[in-house]
């Protein structure tokens, strides 16, 4: 197999895999709070305690994946263009 054909096959496999992941699980953990929904802080003794709610995910701990967001935009544009 030539290197170009191998690269195309790998790229296709990654694309199909990510599309399947976005279809099966459209939400992933928030990158800022790591899916906890709040920030972890330490007190003066070094013990962990709960901090403020995460502003990025609004304390849900979930974010929409990029591929699912692009699909939602495409679907909304398609629906808006095909309505009578």
Protein backbone atom coordinates (compact mmCIF):
# COMPACT_ATOMS: atom_id res chain seq x y z
CA UNK A 1 0.00 0.00 0.00
CA UNK A 2 1.38 3.39 -0.92
CA UNK A 3 1.90 5.98 1.83
CA UNK A 4 -0.71 8.31 0.31
CA UNK A 5 -3.34 5.57 0.21
CA UNK A 6 -2.50 4.57 3.78
CA UNK A 7 -2.85 8.20 4.95
CA UNK A 8 -6.24 8.51 3.23
CA UNK A 9 -7.43 5.26 4.82
CA UNK A 10 -6.31 6.42 8.28
CA UNK A 11 -7.99 9.79 7.85
CA UNK A 12 -11.20 8.11 6.71
CA UNK A 13 -11.14 5.73 9.71
CA UNK A 14 -10.63 8.62 12.16
CA UNK A 15 -13.44 10.63 10.53
CA UNK A 16 -15.91 7.74 10.61
CA UNK A 17 -14.96 6.92 14.20
CA UNK A 18 -15.45 10.51 15.38
CA UNK A 19 -18.78 10.73 13.52
CA UNK A 20 -19.92 7.58 15.30
CA UNK A 21 -18.80 8.98 18.65
CA UNK A 22 -20.72 12.23 18.03
CA UNK A 23 -23.84 10.28 17.06
CA UNK A 24 -23.66 7.92 20.05
CA UNK A 25 -22.58 10.46 22.66
CA UNK A 26 -23.18 14.08 21.58
CA UNK A 27 -22.01 15.53 24.90
CA UNK A 28 -18.55 15.19 26.40
CA UNK A 29 -17.06 16.32 29.70
CA UNK A 30 -16.32 20.02 30.11
CA UNK A 31 -12.63 20.75 29.57
CA UNK A 32 -12.41 23.43 32.23
CA UNK A 33 -13.95 21.57 35.17
CA UNK A 34 -13.23 18.04 33.81
CA UNK A 35 -16.91 17.12 34.06
CA UNK A 36 -17.36 18.00 37.74
CA UNK A 37 -19.43 21.14 37.18
CA UNK A 38 -17.41 23.18 39.64
CA UNK A 39 -13.87 24.28 40.29
CA UNK A 40 -11.79 22.47 42.88
CA UNK A 41 -9.97 24.67 45.38
CA UNK A 42 -7.71 23.97 48.31
CA UNK A 43 -8.05 25.52 51.72
CA UNK A 44 -5.11 26.79 53.77
CA UNK A 45 -4.39 23.29 55.08
CA UNK A 46 -4.16 21.90 51.54
CA UNK A 47 -7.42 19.93 51.60
CA UNK A 48 -9.59 19.95 48.50
CA UNK A 49 -12.96 21.69 48.67
CA UNK A 50 -15.67 22.67 46.27
CA UNK A 51 -15.21 26.00 44.52
CA UNK A 52 -17.48 28.11 42.34
CA UNK A 53 -19.76 26.70 39.66
CA UNK A 54 -18.15 26.36 36.23
CA UNK A 55 -19.14 29.25 33.96
CA UNK A 56 -18.26 27.45 30.73
CA UNK A 57 -20.70 24.55 31.18
CA UNK A 58 -23.07 26.36 33.59
CA UNK A 59 -22.40 23.73 36.31
CA UNK A 60 -23.65 20.80 34.20
CA UNK A 61 -20.21 19.28 33.62
CA UNK A 62 -21.10 18.59 29.98
CA UNK A 63 -20.28 20.31 26.69
CA UNK A 64 -21.45 19.63 23.17
CA UNK A 65 -18.85 18.03 20.92
CA UNK A 66 -17.55 20.02 17.94
CA UNK A 67 -18.78 17.46 15.40
CA UNK A 68 -22.26 17.40 16.90
CA UNK A 69 -22.35 21.22 16.95
CA UNK A 70 -21.45 21.31 13.24
CA UNK A 71 -24.14 18.71 12.50
CA UNK A 72 -26.74 20.75 14.42
CA UNK A 73 -25.82 23.87 12.42
CA UNK A 74 -26.07 21.94 9.15
CA UNK A 75 -29.44 20.43 10.11
CA UNK A 76 -30.86 23.82 11.11
CA UNK A 77 -29.72 25.36 7.80
CA UNK A 78 -31.21 22.44 5.87
CA UNK A 79 -34.55 22.70 7.71
CA UNK A 80 -34.69 26.47 7.16
CA UNK A 81 -34.02 26.04 3.44
CA UNK A 82 -36.58 23.31 2.82
CA UNK A 83 -39.58 24.76 4.65
CA UNK A 84 -42.41 25.97 2.44
